[in-house]
C-alpha atoms as a PDB file:
ATOM      1  CA  MET A   1      25.138   4.345 -18.991  1.00  0.00           C
ATOM      2  CA  ASN A   2      22.926   2.716 -21.058  1.00  0.00           C
ATOM      3  CA  LEU A   3      19.145   3.378 -20.775  1.00  0.00           C
ATOM      4  CA  ASN A   4      17.272   0.721 -21.784  1.00  0.00           C
ATOM      5  CA  ILE A   5      13.755  -0.099 -20.745  1.00  0.00           C
ATOM      6  CA  PRO A   6      14.475  -2.062 -18.088  1.00  0.00           C
ATOM      7  CA  ASN A   7      17.103   0.469 -16.314  1.00  0.00           C
ATOM      8  CA  LEU A   8      14.173   3.161 -16.763  1.00  0.00           C
ATOM      9  CA  LEU A   9      11.920   1.380 -15.000  1.00  0.00           C
ATOM     10  CA  THR A  10      14.504   0.463 -11.710  1.00  0.00           C
ATOM     11  CA  LEU A  11      14.862   4.914 -12.489  1.00  0.00           C
ATOM     12  CA  LEU A  12      11.087   5.019 -12.089  1.00  0.00           C
ATOM     13  CA  ARG A  13      11.326   3.545  -9.361  1.00  0.00           C
ATOM     14  CA  ILE A  14      13.450   5.374  -7.206  1.00  0.00           C
ATOM     15  CA  MET A  15      11.805   8.588  -8.984  1.00  0.00           C
ATOM     16  CA  LEU A  16       8.305   7.490  -7.005  1.00  0.00           C
ATOM     17  CA  LEU A  17      10.079   7.280  -4.288  1.00  0.00           C
ATOM     18  CA  PRO A  18       9.825  11.010  -3.308  1.00  0.00           C
ATOM     19  CA  ILE A  19       6.560  11.274  -4.508  1.00  0.00           C
ATOM     20  CA  PHE A  20       5.221   8.054  -1.881  1.00  0.00           C
ATOM     21  CA  VAL A  21       6.985  10.221   0.729  1.00  0.00           C
ATOM     22  CA  VAL A  22       4.914  13.250   0.050  1.00  0.00           C
ATOM     23  CA  ILE A  23       1.983  11.690  -0.733  1.00  0.00           C
ATOM     24  CA  PHE A  24       2.396   9.524   2.951  1.00  0.00           C
ATOM     25  CA  TYR A  25       2.701  12.980   4.440  1.00  0.00           C
ATOM     26  CA  LEU A  26      -0.602  14.760   2.799  1.00  0.00           C
ATOM     27  CA  PRO A  27      -3.416  14.906   5.253  1.00  0.00           C
ATOM     28  CA  PHE A  28      -6.272  13.804   2.778  1.00  0.00           C
ATOM     29  CA  TYR A  29      -8.451  10.801   3.585  1.00  0.00           C
ATOM     30  CA  GLY A  30      -7.058   7.273   1.459  1.00  0.00           C
ATOM     31  CA  GLN A  31      -3.048   8.953   1.699  1.00  0.00           C
ATOM     32  CA  TYR A  32      -2.085   5.126   2.632  1.00  0.00           C
ATOM     33  CA  LEU A  33      -4.156   3.330  -0.605  1.00  0.00           C
ATOM     34  CA  VAL A  34      -1.909   6.130  -2.887  1.00  0.00           C
ATOM     35  CA  CYS A  35       1.396   5.119  -1.481  1.00  0.00           C
ATOM     36  CA  ALA A  36       0.115   1.074  -1.538  1.00  0.00           C
ATOM     37  CA  GLY A  37      -0.626   1.916  -5.323  1.00  0.00           C
ATOM     38  CA  ILE A  38       2.270   3.859  -5.526  1.00  0.00           C
ATOM     39  CA  PHE A  39       4.430   1.013  -4.051  1.00  0.00           C
ATOM     40  CA  THR A  40       2.368  -1.760  -5.819  1.00  0.00           C
ATOM     41  CA  LEU A  41       3.636   0.240  -9.081  1.00  0.00           C
ATOM     42  CA  ALA A  42       7.196   0.138  -8.014  1.00  0.00           C
ATOM     43  CA  ALA A  43       7.141  -3.609  -6.757  1.00  0.00           C
ATOM     44  CA  LEU A  44       6.057  -4.769  -9.724  1.00  0.00           C
ATOM     45  CA  THR A  45       8.897  -2.777 -12.131  1.00  0.00           C
ATOM     46  CA  ASP A  46      11.068  -4.610  -9.767  1.00  0.00           C
ATOM     47  CA  TRP A  47       9.644  -7.972 -11.369  1.00  0.00           C
ATOM     48  CA  VAL A  48       9.455  -6.535 -14.986  1.00  0.00           C
ATOM     49  CA  ASP A  49      12.859  -4.962 -15.457  1.00  0.00           C
ATOM     50  CA  GLY A  50      14.837  -7.937 -14.161  1.00  0.00           C
ATOM     51  CA  TYR A  51      12.423 -10.007 -16.207  1.00  0.00           C
ATOM     52  CA  LEU A  52      12.983  -7.481 -19.698  1.00  0.00           C
ATOM     53  CA  ALA A  53      16.612  -6.755 -18.871  1.00  0.00           C
ATOM     54  CA  ARG A  54      16.820 -10.993 -19.602  1.00  0.00           C
ATOM     55  CA  LYS A  55      13.710 -11.689 -21.916  1.00  0.00           C
ATOM     56  CA  LEU A  56      15.540  -8.896 -24.204  1.00  0.00           C
ATOM     57  CA  ASN A  57      19.512  -9.379 -23.291  1.00  0.00           C
ATOM     58  CA  GLN A  58      19.384  -5.848 -21.993  1.00  0.00           C
ATOM     59  CA  THR A  59      21.353  -6.888 -18.800  1.00  0.00           C
ATOM     60  CA  THR A  60      23.665  -4.280 -17.753  1.00  0.00           C
ATOM     61  CA  MET A  61      26.584  -3.135 -15.220  1.00  0.00           C
ATOM     62  CA  PHE A  62      24.475  -0.266 -14.733  1.00  0.00           C
ATOM     63  CA  GLY A  63      21.260  -2.442 -14.223  1.00  0.00           C
ATOM     64  CA  ALA A  64      23.455  -4.658 -11.983  1.00  0.00           C
ATOM     65  CA  PHE A  65      24.513  -2.334  -9.715  1.00  0.00           C
ATOM     66  CA  ILE A  66      21.165   0.018  -9.407  1.00  0.00           C
ATOM     67  CA  ASP A  67      18.711  -2.247  -9.617  1.00  0.00           C
ATOM     68  CA  PRO A  68      19.183  -3.724  -5.718  1.00  0.00           C
ATOM     69  CA  VAL A  69      20.255   0.093  -5.034  1.00  0.00           C
ATOM     70  CA  ALA A  70      16.656   0.494  -6.150  1.00  0.00           C
ATOM     71  CA  ASP A  71      14.797  -2.245  -4.281  1.00  0.00           C
ATOM     72  CA  LYS A  72      16.491  -1.502  -0.259  1.00  0.00           C
ATOM     73  CA  LEU A  73      16.007   2.340  -1.370  1.00  0.00           C
ATOM     74  CA  MET A  74      12.432   1.732  -1.789  1.00  0.00           C
ATOM     75  CA  VAL A  75      11.568  -1.338   0.945  1.00  0.00           C
ATOM     76  CA  ALA A  76      13.824   0.628   3.468  1.00  0.00           C
ATOM     77  CA  VAL A  77      12.240   4.195   2.931  1.00  0.00           C
ATOM     78  CA  ALA A  78       8.153   2.767   3.296  1.00  0.00           C
ATOM     79  CA  LEU A  79      10.169   0.349   6.558  1.00  0.00           C
ATOM     80  CA  VAL A  80      10.638   3.970   7.573  1.00  0.00           C
ATOM     81  CA  LEU A  81       6.858   5.255   7.443  1.00  0.00           C
ATOM     82  CA  ILE A  82       5.134   2.834   8.030  1.00  0.00           C
ATOM     83  CA  VAL A  83       7.165   2.651  11.582  1.00  0.00           C
ATOM     84  CA  SER A  84       6.145   5.939  12.422  1.00  0.00           C
ATOM     85  CA  VAL A  85       2.717   5.861  11.734  1.00  0.00           C
ATOM     86  CA  TYR A  86       2.655   2.286  13.527  1.00  0.00           C
ATOM     87  CA  ALA A  87       4.781   3.325  16.599  1.00  0.00           C
ATOM     88  CA  ASP A  88       4.419  -0.581  17.109  1.00  0.00           C
ATOM     89  CA  PRO A  89       7.567  -1.848  18.920  1.00  0.00           C
ATOM     90  CA  TRP A  90       6.540  -5.346  17.469  1.00  0.00           C
ATOM     91  CA  LEU A  91       6.868  -3.337  14.216  1.00  0.00           C
ATOM     92  CA  THR A  92       9.985  -1.857  14.711  1.00  0.00           C
ATOM     93  CA  ILE A  93      11.766  -4.405  15.433  1.00  0.00           C
ATOM     94  CA  PRO A  94      11.751  -6.594  12.152  1.00  0.00           C
ATOM     95  CA  ALA A  95      11.973  -3.065   9.908  1.00  0.00           C
ATOM     96  CA  ALA A  96      15.156  -1.897  12.401  1.00  0.00           C
ATOM     97  CA  ILE A  97      16.220  -6.123  11.362  1.00  0.00           C
ATOM     98  CA  ILE A  98      15.965  -5.443   7.737  1.00  0.00           C
ATOM     99  CA  ILE A  99      17.053  -2.326   7.144  1.00  0.00           C
ATOM    100  CA  CYS A 100      20.799  -3.463   9.514  1.00  0.00           C
ATOM    101  CA  ARG A 101      20.722  -6.572   6.893  1.00  0.00           C
ATOM    102  CA  GLU A 102      20.637  -5.278   4.226  1.00  0.00           C
ATOM    103  CA  ILE A 103      22.889  -2.212   5.500  1.00  0.00           C
ATOM    104  CA  VAL A 104      25.816  -5.352   6.001  1.00  0.00           C
ATOM    105  CA  VAL A 105      24.769  -7.672   3.200  1.00  0.00           C
ATOM    106  CA  SER A 106      25.984  -4.292   1.733  1.00  0.00           C
ATOM    107  CA  ALA A 107      28.978  -3.598   2.720  1.00  0.00           C
ATOM    108  CA  LEU A 108      29.554  -7.386   2.044  1.00  0.00           C
ATOM    109  CA  ARG A 109      29.137  -7.931  -1.125  1.00  0.00           C
ATOM    110  CA  GLU A 110      31.132  -3.772  -1.278  1.00  0.00           C
ATOM    111  CA  TRP A 111      34.370  -5.186  -0.381  1.00  0.00           C
ATOM    112  CA  MET A 112      34.439  -9.375  -1.527  1.00  0.00           C
ATOM    113  CA  ALA A 113      33.669  -7.317  -5.025  1.00  0.00           C
ATOM    114  CA  GLU A 114      36.733  -5.409  -4.216  1.00  0.00           C
ATOM    115  CA  LEU A 115      38.608  -8.344  -3.867  1.00  0.00           C
ATOM    116  CA  SER A 116      37.309  -9.588  -7.567  1.00  0.00           C
ATOM    117  CA  LEU A 117      35.022 -12.225  -5.565  1.00  0.00           C
ATOM    118  CA  ARG A 118      31.703 -10.602  -5.922  1.00  0.00           C
ATOM    119  CA  ALA A 119      30.182 -13.711  -7.230  1.00  0.00           C
ATOM    120  CA  GLN A 120      30.611 -15.851  -3.833  1.00  0.00           C
ATOM    121  CA  VAL A 121      27.859 -13.613  -2.310  1.00  0.00           C
ATOM    122  CA  ALA A 122      25.734 -13.485  -5.360  1.00  0.00           C
ATOM    123  CA  VAL A 123      21.735 -12.790  -5.234  1.00  0.00           C
ATOM    124  CA  SER A 124      20.459 -16.229  -3.871  1.00  0.00           C
ATOM    125  CA  ASP A 125      16.278 -16.786  -4.157  1.00  0.00           C
ATOM    126  CA  ILE A 126      15.952 -17.337  -0.676  1.00  0.00           C
ATOM    127  CA  ALA A 127      16.754 -13.141  -0.954  1.00  0.00           C
ATOM    128  CA  LYS A 128      14.076 -12.997  -3.676  1.00  0.00           C
ATOM    129  CA  TYR A 129      11.490 -14.658  -1.690  1.00  0.00           C
ATOM    130  CA  LYS A 130      12.652 -12.056   1.216  1.00  0.00           C
ATOM    131  CA  THR A 131      12.076  -9.538  -0.916  1.00  0.00           C
ATOM    132  CA  ALA A 132       8.415 -10.896  -1.937  1.00  0.00           C
ATOM    133  CA  MET A 133       7.502 -10.858   1.244  1.00  0.00           C
ATOM    134  CA  GLN A 134       8.853  -7.565   2.599  1.00  0.00           C
ATOM    135  CA  MET A 135       6.813  -6.315  -0.037  1.00  0.00           C
ATOM    136  CA  ILE A 136       3.720  -8.095   0.084  1.00  0.00           C
ATOM    137  CA  ALA A 137       3.417  -7.236   4.326  1.00  0.00           C
ATOM    138  CA  LEU A 138       4.899  -3.238   3.658  1.00  0.00           C
ATOM    139  CA  LEU A 139       1.067  -2.948   1.118  1.00  0.00           C
ATOM    140  CA  CYS A 140      -0.608  -4.846   3.358  1.00  0.00           C
ATOM    141  CA  LEU A 141       0.398  -2.615   6.444  1.00  0.00           C
ATOM    142  CA  LEU A 142      -0.725   0.342   3.857  1.00  0.00           C
ATOM    143  CA  ILE A 143      -3.606  -0.811   2.925  1.00  0.00           C
ATOM    144  CA  ALA A 144      -4.759  -1.361   6.515  1.00  0.00           C
ATOM    145  CA  LYS A 145      -4.645   2.008   7.547  1.00  0.00           C
ATOM    146  CA  THR A 146      -7.047   3.229   5.971  1.00  0.00           C
ATOM    147  CA  LEU A 147      -9.260   0.077   5.537  1.00  0.00           C
ATOM    148  CA  PRO A 148      -8.239  -0.839   9.065  1.00  0.00           C
ATOM    149  CA  HIS A 149      -9.636  -4.709   9.369  1.00  0.00           C
ATOM    150  CA  THR A 150      -7.772  -7.385  12.237  1.00  0.00           C
ATOM    151  CA  TRP A 151      -6.211  -9.486  10.216  1.00  0.00           C
ATOM    152  CA  ILE A 152      -4.562  -7.706   7.764  1.00  0.00           C
ATOM    153  CA  VAL A 153      -2.422  -6.232   9.753  1.00  0.00           C
ATOM    154  CA  MET A 154      -2.054 -10.268  10.980  1.00  0.00           C
ATOM    155  CA  ILE A 155      -1.060 -10.754   7.652  1.00  0.00           C
ATOM    156  CA  ALA A 156       1.140  -8.148   7.286  1.00  0.00           C
ATOM    157  CA  TYR A 157       2.952  -9.026  10.269  1.00  0.00           C
ATOM    158  CA  VAL A 158       3.429 -11.790  10.253  1.00  0.00           C
ATOM    159  CA  LEU A 159       5.359 -11.746   6.941  1.00  0.00           C
ATOM    160  CA  LEU A 160       7.253  -8.676   8.096  1.00  0.00           C
ATOM    161  CA  TYR A 161       8.721 -11.962  10.974  1.00  0.00           C
ATOM    162  CA  ILE A 162       9.039 -14.197   7.830  1.00  0.00           C
ATOM    163  CA  ALA A 163      10.848 -12.059   6.144  1.00  0.00           C
ATOM    164  CA  ALA A 164      12.794 -11.089   8.737  1.00  0.00           C
ATOM    165  CA  PHE A 165      13.734 -14.514   9.629  1.00  0.00           C
ATOM    166  CA  LEU A 166      14.783 -15.016   6.086  1.00  0.00           C
ATOM    167  CA  THR A 167      16.169 -11.546   5.563  1.00  0.00           C
ATOM    168  CA  LEU A 168      18.973 -12.716   9.042  1.00  0.00           C
ATOM    169  CA  TYR A 169      19.597 -16.381   7.247  1.00  0.00           C
ATOM    170  CA  THR A 170      20.248 -14.774   3.916  1.00  0.00           C
ATOM    171  CA  MET A 171      22.782 -12.332   5.473  1.00  0.00           C
ATOM    172  CA  LEU A 172      24.634 -15.443   7.214  1.00  0.00           C
ATOM    173  CA  LEU A 173      25.035 -17.024   4.172  1.00  0.00           C
ATOM    174  CA  TYR A 174      26.776 -14.681   2.608  1.00  0.00           C
ATOM    175  CA  LEU A 175      28.836 -14.337   6.195  1.00  0.00           C
ATOM    176  CA  ARG A 176      29.831 -17.389   6.017  1.00  0.00           C
ATOM    177  CA  ALA A 177      30.209 -17.658   1.645  1.00  0.00           C
ATOM    178  CA  ALA A 178      32.605 -15.027   2.796  1.00  0.00           C
ATOM    179  CA  TRP A 179      33.811 -16.141   5.733  1.00  0.00           C
ATOM    180  CA  PRO A 180      36.822 -17.629   4.040  1.00  0.00           C
ATOM    181  CA  TYR A 181      38.347 -14.083   2.900  1.00  0.00           C
ATOM    182  CA  LEU A 182      36.996 -12.722   6.183  1.00  0.00           C
ATOM    183  CA  ARG A 183      39.351 -14.881   7.994  1.00  0.00           C
ATOM    184  CA  ASP A 184      42.330 -14.265   5.559  1.00  0.00           C
ATOM    185  CA  LYS A 185      44.664 -12.241   7.143  1.00  0.00           C
ATOM    186  CA  SER A 186      46.209 -11.826   3.345  1.00  0.00           C
ATOM    187  CA  PHE A 187      43.209 -10.057   2.250  1.00  0.00           C
END
């Protein structure tokens, strides 16, 4: 394992998760704003670690593995916690779609990697936009728990539904790319 700056930033993102969870449940005014700050820091490290890895030519196999894992952990944990406090089926639906898609695509990528066909299901630009939409929506939902403005919640819901749509769309793209191999009886 190569512990360069990008990989350390990714590991920091994972280490922020238990802190995020603990603060989320601490009973003090503003806990959701503190969580929004932690979530923002984690989201920024996601962008910075990728930028630095490319800029400093420090891409590693470990980084290629752990970065998407950290992203999925961060989004899944935030979704579960936020759904628990909002208790709204209209929020639960896109959250479930997003989490289920991540499981399906992760399994598909793992299977394709076993066949040495990982490049067939590489991350697309649309998936990056989807991730950005998710991050902004989750950040808005955290902020809205302390600063309850209907417009913040509405923006968050719209962005989360757009992210859910992009989630399904990118899953279909990945499945379409893998479909010839899924149908091939020799695999």
